Amino acid sequence: MNITTQIQGGLGNQLFQYATGKALSVRLKGSLQLGIDWFNHGWEDVTPRHFLLPNLQVKYELKPGSTITRAPKLWRRIAQQFLPWTPYVLTERPFRFDAKLNHIKPYANQDIYLQGYWQSFRYFEAIRDALIQEIRPVHDLSKPYQKYLNQIQSSSSAMIHIRRGDYVHLPVAAKIHGFLGLDYYQKGMEILLASDPNIQFFVFSDDLEWAKANLPHQDKMTFIHSTEEKTAPIQELFLMIQCQKHLIANSSLSWWGAWLSNSANPQVIAPLKWTNDTDKSWDDLLPAQWQRI
C-alpha cells in the first residue's frame, strides 16, 4: 500500500501535509510517498515557494510521475470504498478535522491519495514524539543562525512571529488572512512579560523594519535577520522551536514552531481568529492549552 500526499505551499503547510501522511502510513503500515508537482508550476496569485522537506530529517519517497490533482466526483468517492483496485482519494475541508482519516480501513493493497492542507494537529498528534525527532535540519546551522541559537538557549526566550509580506501586499492572502495588527502583539507581549519580567523576545518577521519601528520593549528584543540561504526557513523554524514561549502569527510556520517545542515551561499565545472568516471554529487547529487573544 502506498500513501501519497500532495505537497504544496510554504514550509509550514508542507509539514502539515507530510505529518498527516506520515501518521496515516504509520497506522496502516504503508509506504509514504510525496507528490511535488505543485512546485513545477507558476501559480497565479500564490507566493512562490521551494520544496524544503529534503532539508529536514524526515523520511519519505517521491511519487514518480504526476499525482492526482482533482477532487474525485461523487461516484468515485462511493466506488473507492468498495473496489480494492480503485485508489482511495481523500480531500480535506479546510481547517476542519475529518475523523474519518484516523479510522479509515482501506483494502490491503489499495493506494491512498491525500489532497489538501490537513491543518489540524488531530491528524498526527499520536506521532508527535517522532515528528519532534524528524523535523530537524539535516545540516548544522550556519554561523549567523548559530549565534542566535546560543542567545536563545542562554536566556528566558520568547518567540514573536510577525507575518506581513503577502498578508499585506498580495490581495488574495490579505483577503483570507490579513495582518493581525499591532494591538495583538502589544497585548501578547504584556501577557508574556507578566509571566516572566526577565523574558527576552526573539523577533522573526518578513518585515523587520515594521517590527523595529512599532514594537514596544525593544531593550528586550533580538531581531532575527534572515539570510539569503534557501534553507533559511528551516533554520528559523528550528530557532522558533528552541524558544521557551511563543507569540505566534496566523501562520503555519510559527504554528509548528510552537507545537514542536519541548519547553519545560511552555506558553503559547495565538490569535483568536486565524483567518478573516468570523464563523469558523479554530479548535481543530489551535490546541486547547494555547491562549487565544
C-alpha atoms as a PDB file:
ATOM      1  CA  MET A   1       0.000   0.000   0.000  1.00  0.00           C
ATOM      2  CA  ASN A   2       1.292   3.435  -0.996  1.00  0.00           C
ATOM      3  CA  ILE A   3       0.063   6.538   0.776  1.00  0.00           C
ATOM      4  CA  THR A   4       0.673   9.639  -1.324  1.00  0.00           C
ATOM      5  CA  THR A   5       0.167  13.158  -0.053  1.00  0.00           C
ATOM      6  CA  GLN A   6       0.349  16.164  -2.338  1.00  0.00           C
ATOM      7  CA  ILE A   7       2.818  18.759  -1.103  1.00  0.00           C
ATOM      8  CA  GLN A   8       2.257  22.444  -1.744  1.00  0.00           C
ATOM      9  CA  GLY A   9       2.787  25.853  -0.182  1.00  0.00           C
ATOM     10  CA  GLY A  10       5.433  27.079   2.215  1.00  0.00           C
ATOM     11  CA  LEU A  11       7.352  25.109   4.815  1.00  0.00           C
ATOM     12  CA  GLY A  12       4.594  25.172   7.427  1.00  0.00           C
ATOM     13  CA  ASN A  13       2.000  23.825   5.002  1.00  0.00           C
ATOM     14  CA  GLN A  14       4.435  21.217   3.704  1.00  0.00           C
ATOM     15  CA  LEU A  15       4.814  19.987   7.278  1.00  0.00           C
ATOM     16  CA  PHE A  16       1.050  19.672   7.819  1.00  0.00           C
ATOM     17  CA  GLN A  17       0.777  17.583   4.657  1.00  0.00           C
ATOM     18  CA  TYR A  18       3.823  15.460   5.487  1.00  0.00           C
ATOM     19  CA  ALA A  19       2.785  14.852   9.106  1.00  0.00           C
ATOM     20  CA  THR A  20      -0.735  13.788   8.149  1.00  0.00           C
ATOM     21  CA  GLY A  21       0.580  11.368   5.541  1.00  0.00           C
ATOM     22  CA  LYS A  22       3.209  10.093   7.963  1.00  0.00           C
ATOM     23  CA  ALA A  23       0.638   9.389  10.676  1.00  0.00           C
ATOM     24  CA  LEU A  24      -1.566   7.525   8.208  1.00  0.00           C
ATOM     25  CA  SER A  25       1.359   5.488   6.891  1.00  0.00           C
ATOM     26  CA  VAL A  26       2.342   4.518  10.443  1.00  0.00           C
ATOM     27  CA  ARG A  27      -1.200   3.428  11.337  1.00  0.00           C
ATOM     28  CA  LEU A  28      -1.773   1.487   8.109  1.00  0.00           C
ATOM     29  CA  LYS A  29       1.830   0.253   7.756  1.00  0.00           C
ATOM     30  CA  GLY A  30       2.053   1.675   4.252  1.00  0.00           C
ATOM     31  CA  SER A  31       4.809   3.361   2.272  1.00  0.00           C
ATOM     32  CA  LEU A  32       4.719   7.179   2.406  1.00  0.00           C
ATOM     33  CA  GLN A  33       5.168   8.968  -0.907  1.00  0.00           C
ATOM     34  CA  LEU A  34       5.116  12.686  -1.619  1.00  0.00           C
ATOM     35  CA  GLY A  35       3.811  14.261  -4.818  1.00  0.00           C
ATOM     36  CA  ILE A  36       5.623  17.515  -5.571  1.00  0.00           C
ATOM     37  CA  ASP A  37       4.185  18.540  -8.956  1.00  0.00           C
ATOM     38  CA  TRP A  38       2.864  21.762  -7.426  1.00  0.00           C
ATOM     39  CA  PHE A  39       6.377  23.193  -7.331  1.00  0.00           C
ATOM     40  CA  ASN A  40       6.811  22.717 -11.072  1.00  0.00           C
ATOM     41  CA  HIS A  41       4.083  25.239 -11.901  1.00  0.00           C
ATOM     42  CA  GLY A  42       3.921  29.010 -11.676  1.00  0.00           C
ATOM     43  CA  TRP A  43       0.654  29.625  -9.829  1.00  0.00           C
ATOM     44  CA  GLU A  44      -1.083  32.967 -10.242  1.00  0.00           C
ATOM     45  CA  ASP A  45      -1.729  34.976  -7.047  1.00  0.00           C
ATOM     46  CA  VAL A  46       0.323  32.494  -4.998  1.00  0.00           C
ATOM     47  CA  THR A  47       3.562  33.270  -3.167  1.00  0.00           C
ATOM     48  CA  PRO A  48       6.412  31.294  -4.844  1.00  0.00           C
ATOM     49  CA  ARG A  49       7.773  28.502  -2.634  1.00  0.00           C
ATOM     50  CA  HIS A  50      10.552  25.892  -2.587  1.00  0.00           C
ATOM     51  CA  PHE A  51      10.152  22.224  -1.690  1.00  0.00           C
ATOM     52  CA  LEU A  52      12.069  22.253   1.604  1.00  0.00           C
ATOM     53  CA  LEU A  53      11.404  18.865   3.212  1.00  0.00           C
ATOM     54  CA  PRO A  54      14.670  17.343   1.846  1.00  0.00           C
ATOM     55  CA  ASN A  55      16.485  19.688   4.239  1.00  0.00           C
ATOM     56  CA  LEU A  56      14.842  18.042   7.252  1.00  0.00           C
ATOM     57  CA  GLN A  57      15.424  14.608   8.742  1.00  0.00           C
ATOM     58  CA  VAL A  58      12.063  13.334   7.510  1.00  0.00           C
ATOM     59  CA  LYS A  59      11.616  10.006   5.761  1.00  0.00           C
ATOM     60  CA  TYR A  60       9.641   9.532   2.564  1.00  0.00           C
ATOM     61  CA  GLU A  61       9.801   8.524  -1.104  1.00  0.00           C
ATOM     62  CA  LEU A  62       8.964  10.785  -4.039  1.00  0.00           C
ATOM     63  CA  LYS A  63       5.939   9.796  -6.082  1.00  0.00           C
ATOM     64  CA  PRO A  64       7.056   9.158  -9.668  1.00  0.00           C
ATOM     65  CA  GLY A  65       5.148  10.997 -12.380  1.00  0.00           C
ATOM     66  CA  SER A  66       2.122  13.189 -11.833  1.00  0.00           C
ATOM     67  CA  THR A  67      -0.190  12.894  -8.873  1.00  0.00           C
ATOM     68  CA  ILE A  68      -3.964  13.262  -8.855  1.00  0.00           C
ATOM     69  CA  THR A  69      -4.824  16.959  -8.648  1.00  0.00           C
ATOM     70  CA  ARG A  70      -8.616  17.000  -8.880  1.00  0.00           C
ATOM     71  CA  ALA A  71     -11.048  16.044  -6.162  1.00  0.00           C
ATOM     72  CA  PRO A  72     -12.966  12.855  -7.022  1.00  0.00           C
ATOM     73  CA  LYS A  73     -16.561  13.063  -8.201  1.00  0.00           C
ATOM     74  CA  LEU A  74     -19.327  11.570  -6.077  1.00  0.00           C
ATOM     75  CA  TRP A  75     -19.432   8.264  -7.963  1.00  0.00           C
ATOM     76  CA  ARG A  76     -15.719   7.761  -7.415  1.00  0.00           C
ATOM     77  CA  ARG A  77     -15.921   8.607  -3.715  1.00  0.00           C
ATOM     78  CA  ILE A  78     -18.506   5.877  -3.358  1.00  0.00           C
ATOM     79  CA  ALA A  79     -16.744   3.329  -5.585  1.00  0.00           C
ATOM     80  CA  GLN A  80     -13.373   3.655  -3.881  1.00  0.00           C
ATOM     81  CA  GLN A  81     -14.839   2.309  -0.642  1.00  0.00           C
ATOM     82  CA  PHE A  82     -15.787  -0.992  -2.270  1.00  0.00           C
ATOM     83  CA  LEU A  83     -13.335  -1.552  -5.135  1.00  0.00           C
ATOM     84  CA  PRO A  84      -9.850  -2.520  -3.921  1.00  0.00           C
ATOM     85  CA  TRP A  85      -8.204  -1.699  -7.271  1.00  0.00           C
ATOM     86  CA  THR A  86      -9.540   1.888  -7.180  1.00  0.00           C
ATOM     87  CA  PRO A  87      -7.219   4.376  -5.429  1.00  0.00           C
ATOM     88  CA  TYR A  88      -8.777   5.871  -2.318  1.00  0.00           C
ATOM     89  CA  VAL A  89      -8.689   9.662  -2.757  1.00  0.00           C
ATOM     90  CA  LEU A  90      -9.321  11.827   0.300  1.00  0.00           C
ATOM     91  CA  THR A  91      -9.816  15.586   0.171  1.00  0.00           C
ATOM     92  CA  GLU A  92      -9.910  17.892   3.163  1.00  0.00           C
ATOM     93  CA  ARG A  93     -12.358  20.502   4.348  1.00  0.00           C
ATOM     94  CA  PRO A  94     -10.134  23.493   5.156  1.00  0.00           C
ATOM     95  CA  PHE A  95      -9.326  23.864   8.862  1.00  0.00           C
ATOM     96  CA  ARG A  96     -11.800  21.144   9.842  1.00  0.00           C
ATOM     97  CA  PHE A  97     -10.681  17.840  11.285  1.00  0.00           C
ATOM     98  CA  ASP A  98     -12.154  14.836   9.481  1.00  0.00           C
ATOM     99  CA  ALA A  99     -12.148  11.936  11.930  1.00  0.00           C
ATOM    100  CA  LYS A 100     -12.626   9.513   9.026  1.00  0.00           C
ATOM    101  CA  LEU A 101      -8.959   9.875   8.149  1.00  0.00           C
ATOM    102  CA  ASN A 102      -7.923   8.480  11.533  1.00  0.00           C
ATOM    103  CA  HIS A 103     -10.236   5.472  11.213  1.00  0.00           C
ATOM    104  CA  ILE A 104     -10.304   4.682   7.505  1.00  0.00           C
ATOM    105  CA  LYS A 105      -9.627   0.996   6.709  1.00  0.00           C
ATOM    106  CA  PRO A 106      -8.810   0.576   3.020  1.00  0.00           C
ATOM    107  CA  TYR A 107      -8.125  -2.755   1.352  1.00  0.00           C
ATOM    108  CA  ALA A 108      -4.647  -4.191   1.948  1.00  0.00           C
ATOM    109  CA  ASN A 109      -3.295  -3.264  -1.489  1.00  0.00           C
ATOM    110  CA  GLN A 110      -5.366  -0.136  -2.076  1.00  0.00           C
ATOM    111  CA  ASP A 111      -3.350   3.032  -2.568  1.00  0.00           C
ATOM    112  CA  ILE A 112      -4.400   6.250  -0.838  1.00  0.00           C
ATOM    113  CA  TYR A 113      -4.062   9.841  -2.092  1.00  0.00           C
ATOM    114  CA  LEU A 114      -4.350  12.842   0.222  1.00  0.00           C
ATOM    115  CA  GLN A 115      -5.268  16.200  -1.293  1.00  0.00           C
ATOM    116  CA  GLY A 116      -5.333  19.338   0.816  1.00  0.00           C
ATOM    117  CA  TYR A 117      -3.506  21.117   3.615  1.00  0.00           C
ATOM    118  CA  TRP A 118      -4.728  18.996   6.585  1.00  0.00           C
ATOM    119  CA  GLN A 119      -4.222  21.802   9.079  1.00  0.00           C
ATOM    120  CA  SER A 120      -5.191  20.077  12.298  1.00  0.00           C
ATOM    121  CA  PHE A 121      -2.961  18.604  14.999  1.00  0.00           C
ATOM    122  CA  ARG A 122      -5.568  15.880  15.493  1.00  0.00           C
ATOM    123  CA  TYR A 123      -4.364  14.080  12.367  1.00  0.00           C
ATOM    124  CA  PHE A 124      -0.875  13.477  13.743  1.00  0.00           C
ATOM    125  CA  GLU A 125      -0.751  14.163  17.476  1.00  0.00           C
ATOM    126  CA  ALA A 126      -0.274  10.407  18.053  1.00  0.00           C
ATOM    127  CA  ILE A 127       3.180  10.610  16.426  1.00  0.00           C
ATOM    128  CA  ARG A 128       4.279  13.931  17.936  1.00  0.00           C
ATOM    129  CA  ASP A 129       7.410  12.470  19.540  1.00  0.00           C
ATOM    130  CA  ALA A 130       8.536  11.044  16.192  1.00  0.00           C
ATOM    131  CA  LEU A 131       7.888  14.350  14.454  1.00  0.00           C
ATOM    132  CA  ILE A 132       9.954  16.222  17.038  1.00  0.00           C
ATOM    133  CA  GLN A 133      12.893  13.979  16.183  1.00  0.00           C
ATOM    134  CA  GLU A 134      12.403  14.216  12.412  1.00  0.00           C
ATOM    135  CA  ILE A 135      11.686  17.915  11.981  1.00  0.00           C
ATOM    136  CA  ARG A 136      15.272  18.973  12.478  1.00  0.00           C
ATOM    137  CA  PRO A 137      17.764  20.429   9.987  1.00  0.00           C
ATOM    138  CA  VAL A 138      19.858  17.898   8.111  1.00  0.00           C
ATOM    139  CA  HIS A 139      22.912  20.148   8.398  1.00  0.00           C
ATOM    140  CA  ASP A 140      24.327  22.287  11.193  1.00  0.00           C
ATOM    141  CA  LEU A 141      23.038  25.826  11.450  1.00  0.00           C
ATOM    142  CA  SER A 142      25.004  28.421   9.512  1.00  0.00           C
ATOM    143  CA  LYS A 143      27.094  30.846  11.545  1.00  0.00           C
ATOM    144  CA  PRO A 144      24.504  33.677  11.844  1.00  0.00           C
ATOM    145  CA  TYR A 145      21.758  31.328  12.993  1.00  0.00           C
ATOM    146  CA  GLN A 146      24.076  29.502  15.394  1.00  0.00           C
ATOM    147  CA  LYS A 147      24.751  32.848  17.075  1.00  0.00           C
ATOM    148  CA  TYR A 148      21.011  33.387  17.558  1.00  0.00           C
ATOM    149  CA  LEU A 149      20.622  29.844  18.884  1.00  0.00           C
ATOM    150  CA  ASN A 150      23.245  30.475  21.552  1.00  0.00           C
ATOM    151  CA  GLN A 151      21.339  33.572  22.671  1.00  0.00           C
ATOM    152  CA  ILE A 152      18.020  31.728  22.748  1.00  0.00           C
ATOM    153  CA  GLN A 153      19.419  28.850  24.791  1.00  0.00           C
ATOM    154  CA  SER A 154      21.091  31.148  27.318  1.00  0.00           C
ATOM    155  CA  SER A 155      18.027  33.288  28.093  1.00  0.00           C
ATOM    156  CA  SER A 156      14.392  33.135  29.113  1.00  0.00           C
ATOM    157  CA  SER A 157      13.344  33.224  25.479  1.00  0.00           C
ATOM    158  CA  ALA A 158      10.052  34.049  23.778  1.00  0.00           C
ATOM    159  CA  MET A 159       9.486  33.910  20.050  1.00  0.00           C
ATOM    160  CA  ILE A 160       7.488  36.619  18.298  1.00  0.00           C
ATOM    161  CA  HIS A 161       6.480  35.899  14.716  1.00  0.00           C
ATOM    162  CA  ILE A 162       5.141  38.724  12.560  1.00  0.00           C
ATOM    163  CA  ARG A 163       3.929  37.928   9.080  1.00  0.00           C
ATOM    164  CA  ARG A 164       3.153  40.893   6.881  1.00  0.00           C
ATOM    165  CA  GLY A 165       4.559  40.427   3.357  1.00  0.00           C
ATOM    166  CA  ASP A 166       1.887  38.687   1.272  1.00  0.00           C
ATOM    167  CA  TYR A 167      -0.686  39.187   4.055  1.00  0.00           C
ATOM    168  CA  VAL A 168      -0.413  42.912   3.337  1.00  0.00           C
ATOM    169  CA  HIS A 169       0.620  43.150  -0.318  1.00  0.00           C
ATOM    170  CA  LEU A 170      -0.975  40.110  -2.031  1.00  0.00           C
ATOM    171  CA  PRO A 171      -4.732  40.762  -2.362  1.00  0.00           C
ATOM    172  CA  VAL A 172      -5.775  37.095  -2.162  1.00  0.00           C
ATOM    173  CA  ALA A 173      -3.728  36.436   1.001  1.00  0.00           C
ATOM    174  CA  ALA A 174      -4.793  39.747   2.555  1.00  0.00           C
ATOM    175  CA  LYS A 175      -8.455  38.916   1.980  1.00  0.00           C
ATOM    176  CA  ILE A 176      -8.213  35.439   3.534  1.00  0.00           C
ATOM    177  CA  HIS A 177      -5.736  36.013   6.347  1.00  0.00           C
ATOM    178  CA  GLY A 178      -4.652  39.608   6.778  1.00  0.00           C
ATOM    179  CA  PHE A 179      -2.119  41.111   9.148  1.00  0.00           C
ATOM    180  CA  LEU A 180      -3.006  40.684  12.828  1.00  0.00           C
ATOM    181  CA  GLY A 181      -2.198  44.277  13.786  1.00  0.00           C
ATOM    182  CA  LEU A 182      -0.029  45.977  16.375  1.00  0.00           C
ATOM    183  CA  ASP A 183      -2.591  45.625  19.200  1.00  0.00           C
ATOM    184  CA  TYR A 184      -2.322  41.839  19.045  1.00  0.00           C
ATOM    185  CA  TYR A 185       1.440  41.910  19.519  1.00  0.00           C
ATOM    186  CA  GLN A 186       1.349  44.552  22.256  1.00  0.00           C
ATOM    187  CA  LYS A 187      -1.201  42.562  24.261  1.00  0.00           C
ATOM    188  CA  GLY A 188       0.660  39.294  23.741  1.00  0.00           C
ATOM    189  CA  MET A 189       3.960  40.782  24.854  1.00  0.00           C
ATOM    190  CA  GLU A 190       2.397  42.173  28.029  1.00  0.00           C
ATOM    191  CA  ILE A 191       0.978  38.742  28.873  1.00  0.00           C
ATOM    192  CA  LEU A 192       4.406  37.140  28.423  1.00  0.00           C
ATOM    193  CA  LEU A 193       6.132  39.839  30.479  1.00  0.00           C
ATOM    194  CA  ALA A 194       3.605  39.363  33.280  1.00  0.00           C
ATOM    195  CA  SER A 195       4.565  35.678  33.398  1.00  0.00           C
ATOM    196  CA  ASP A 196       8.304  36.437  33.386  1.00  0.00           C
ATOM    197  CA  PRO A 197       9.691  40.005  33.697  1.00  0.00           C
ATOM    198  CA  ASN A 198      13.132  38.740  32.596  1.00  0.00           C
ATOM    199  CA  ILE A 199      11.896  37.422  29.285  1.00  0.00           C
ATOM    200  CA  GLN A 200      13.860  38.125  26.104  1.00  0.00           C
ATOM    201  CA  PHE A 201      11.986  38.447  22.827  1.00  0.00           C
ATOM    202  CA  PHE A 202      13.309  37.000  19.559  1.00  0.00           C
ATOM    203  CA  VAL A 203      11.516  38.522  16.602  1.00  0.00           C
ATOM    204  CA  PHE A 204      11.030  36.597  13.346  1.00  0.00           C
ATOM    205  CA  SER A 205       9.439  38.529  10.510  1.00  0.00           C
ATOM    206  CA  ASP A 206       9.329  39.139   6.783  1.00  0.00           C
ATOM    207  CA  ASP A 207       9.124  42.857   7.660  1.00  0.00           C
ATOM    208  CA  LEU A 208      11.671  43.566  10.348  1.00  0.00           C
ATOM    209  CA  GLU A 209      11.620  47.285   9.555  1.00  0.00           C
ATOM    210  CA  TRP A 210       7.977  47.427  10.643  1.00  0.00           C
ATOM    211  CA  ALA A 211       8.799  45.480  13.796  1.00  0.00           C
ATOM    212  CA  LYS A 212      11.689  47.805  14.656  1.00  0.00           C
ATOM    213  CA  ALA A 213       9.522  50.861  14.136  1.00  0.00           C
ATOM    214  CA  ASN A 214       6.459  49.674  16.066  1.00  0.00           C
ATOM    215  CA  LEU A 215       7.076  47.009  18.727  1.00  0.00           C
ATOM    216  CA  PRO A 216       7.491  48.077  22.362  1.00  0.00           C
ATOM    217  CA  HIS A 217      10.166  46.805  24.791  1.00  0.00           C
ATOM    218  CA  GLN A 218      12.956  46.936  22.223  1.00  0.00           C
ATOM    219  CA  ASP A 219      15.526  46.779  25.017  1.00  0.00           C
ATOM    220  CA  LYS A 220      14.385  43.168  25.497  1.00  0.00           C
ATOM    221  CA  MET A 221      14.417  42.298  21.814  1.00  0.00           C
ATOM    222  CA  THR A 222      16.660  40.495  19.349  1.00  0.00           C
ATOM    223  CA  PHE A 223      15.700  40.699  15.675  1.00  0.00           C
ATOM    224  CA  ILE A 224      16.365  37.557  13.627  1.00  0.00           C
ATOM    225  CA  HIS A 225      17.735  38.730  10.291  1.00  0.00           C
ATOM    226  CA  SER A 226      17.028  36.209   7.536  1.00  0.00           C
ATOM    227  CA  THR A 227      19.906  35.095   5.364  1.00  0.00           C
ATOM    228  CA  GLU A 228      19.706  34.508   1.604  1.00  0.00           C
ATOM    229  CA  GLU A 229      20.137  30.753   2.057  1.00  0.00           C
ATOM    230  CA  LYS A 230      17.446  28.517   0.569  1.00  0.00           C
ATOM    231  CA  THR A 231      17.336  26.732   3.926  1.00  0.00           C
ATOM    232  CA  ALA A 232      16.693  29.934   5.910  1.00  0.00           C
ATOM    233  CA  PRO A 233      13.067  28.899   6.725  1.00  0.00           C
ATOM    234  CA  ILE A 234      14.331  25.539   8.007  1.00  0.00           C
ATOM    235  CA  GLN A 235      16.906  27.152  10.260  1.00  0.00           C
ATOM    236  CA  GLU A 236      14.498  29.789  11.521  1.00  0.00           C
ATOM    237  CA  LEU A 237      11.873  27.170  12.322  1.00  0.00           C
ATOM    238  CA  PHE A 238      14.481  25.330  14.386  1.00  0.00           C
ATOM    239  CA  LEU A 239      15.206  28.535  16.306  1.00  0.00           C
ATOM    240  CA  MET A 240      11.493  29.065  16.954  1.00  0.00           C
ATOM    241  CA  ILE A 241      11.189  25.553  18.344  1.00  0.00           C
ATOM    242  CA  GLN A 242      14.024  26.179  20.802  1.00  0.00           C
ATOM    243  CA  CYS A 243      12.248  29.175  22.362  1.00  0.00           C
ATOM    244  CA  GLN A 244      10.521  28.592  25.683  1.00  0.00           C
ATOM    245  CA  LYS A 245       7.440  30.702  24.953  1.00  0.00           C
ATOM    246  CA  HIS A 246       5.690  31.645  21.729  1.00  0.00           C
ATOM    247  CA  LEU A 247       3.652  34.557  20.423  1.00  0.00           C
ATOM    248  CA  ILE A 248       2.673  33.251  17.017  1.00  0.00           C
ATOM    249  CA  ALA A 249       1.224  34.799  13.876  1.00  0.00           C
ATOM    250  CA  ASN A 250      -1.691  33.382  11.902  1.00  0.00           C
ATOM    251  CA  SER A 251       0.958  31.451  10.013  1.00  0.00           C
ATOM    252  CA  SER A 252       1.583  27.730   9.754  1.00  0.00           C
ATOM    253  CA  LEU A 253       5.334  28.285  10.181  1.00  0.00           C
ATOM    254  CA  SER A 254       5.094  29.733  13.685  1.00  0.00           C
ATOM    255  CA  TRP A 255       2.308  27.247  14.498  1.00  0.00           C
ATOM    256  CA  TRP A 256       4.896  24.495  14.037  1.00  0.00           C
ATOM    257  CA  GLY A 257       7.484  26.479  15.993  1.00  0.00           C
ATOM    258  CA  ALA A 258       5.147  26.407  18.978  1.00  0.00           C
ATOM    259  CA  TRP A 259       3.674  22.912  18.566  1.00  0.00           C
ATOM    260  CA  LEU A 260       7.061  21.187  18.303  1.00  0.00           C
ATOM    261  CA  SER A 261       8.544  22.976  21.306  1.00  0.00           C
ATOM    262  CA  ASN A 262       9.567  20.772  24.217  1.00  0.00           C
ATOM    263  CA  SER A 263       9.832  23.684  26.630  1.00  0.00           C
ATOM    264  CA  ALA A 264       9.699  22.775  30.320  1.00  0.00           C
ATOM    265  CA  ASN A 265       7.556  25.884  30.903  1.00  0.00           C
ATOM    266  CA  PRO A 266       5.509  26.267  27.709  1.00  0.00           C
ATOM    267  CA  GLN A 267       3.284  29.227  26.979  1.00  0.00           C
ATOM    268  CA  VAL A 268       1.739  29.822  23.571  1.00  0.00           C
ATOM    269  CA  ILE A 269      -0.304  32.857  22.613  1.00  0.00           C
ATOM    270  CA  ALA A 270      -2.255  32.611  19.365  1.00  0.00           C
ATOM    271  CA  PRO A 271      -4.747  34.819  17.544  1.00  0.00           C
ATOM    272  CA  LEU A 272      -8.408  34.373  18.381  1.00  0.00           C
ATOM    273  CA  LYS A 273      -9.216  34.175  14.667  1.00  0.00           C
ATOM    274  CA  TRP A 274      -6.832  32.512  12.212  1.00  0.00           C
ATOM    275  CA  THR A 275      -8.482  33.964   9.105  1.00  0.00           C
ATOM    276  CA  ASN A 276     -10.951  36.737   8.376  1.00  0.00           C
ATOM    277  CA  ASP A 277     -13.794  34.199   8.392  1.00  0.00           C
ATOM    278  CA  THR A 278     -15.532  35.020  11.668  1.00  0.00           C
ATOM    279  CA  ASP A 279     -17.817  31.971  11.545  1.00  0.00           C
ATOM    280  CA  LYS A 280     -15.145  29.284  11.756  1.00  0.00           C
ATOM    281  CA  SER A 281     -14.134  27.410  14.875  1.00  0.00           C
ATOM    282  CA  TRP A 282     -10.387  27.017  15.345  1.00  0.00           C
ATOM    283  CA  ASP A 283     -10.489  24.182  17.893  1.00  0.00           C
ATOM    284  CA  ASP A 284      -9.108  21.682  15.367  1.00  0.00           C
ATOM    285  CA  LEU A 285      -6.119  23.907  14.621  1.00  0.00           C
ATOM    286  CA  LEU A 286      -5.267  25.537  17.955  1.00  0.00           C
ATOM    287  CA  PRO A 287      -4.705  23.217  20.940  1.00  0.00           C
ATOM    288  CA  ALA A 288      -6.897  23.930  23.967  1.00  0.00           C
ATOM    289  CA  GLN A 289      -3.922  24.847  26.157  1.00  0.00           C
ATOM    290  CA  TRP A 290      -2.897  27.699  23.867  1.00  0.00           C
ATOM    291  CA  GLN A 291      -4.129  31.131  24.961  1.00  0.00           C
ATOM    292  CA  ARG A 292      -6.124  32.929  22.269  1.00  0.00           C
ATOM    293  CA  ILE A 293      -6.334  36.714  22.207  1.00  0.00           C
END
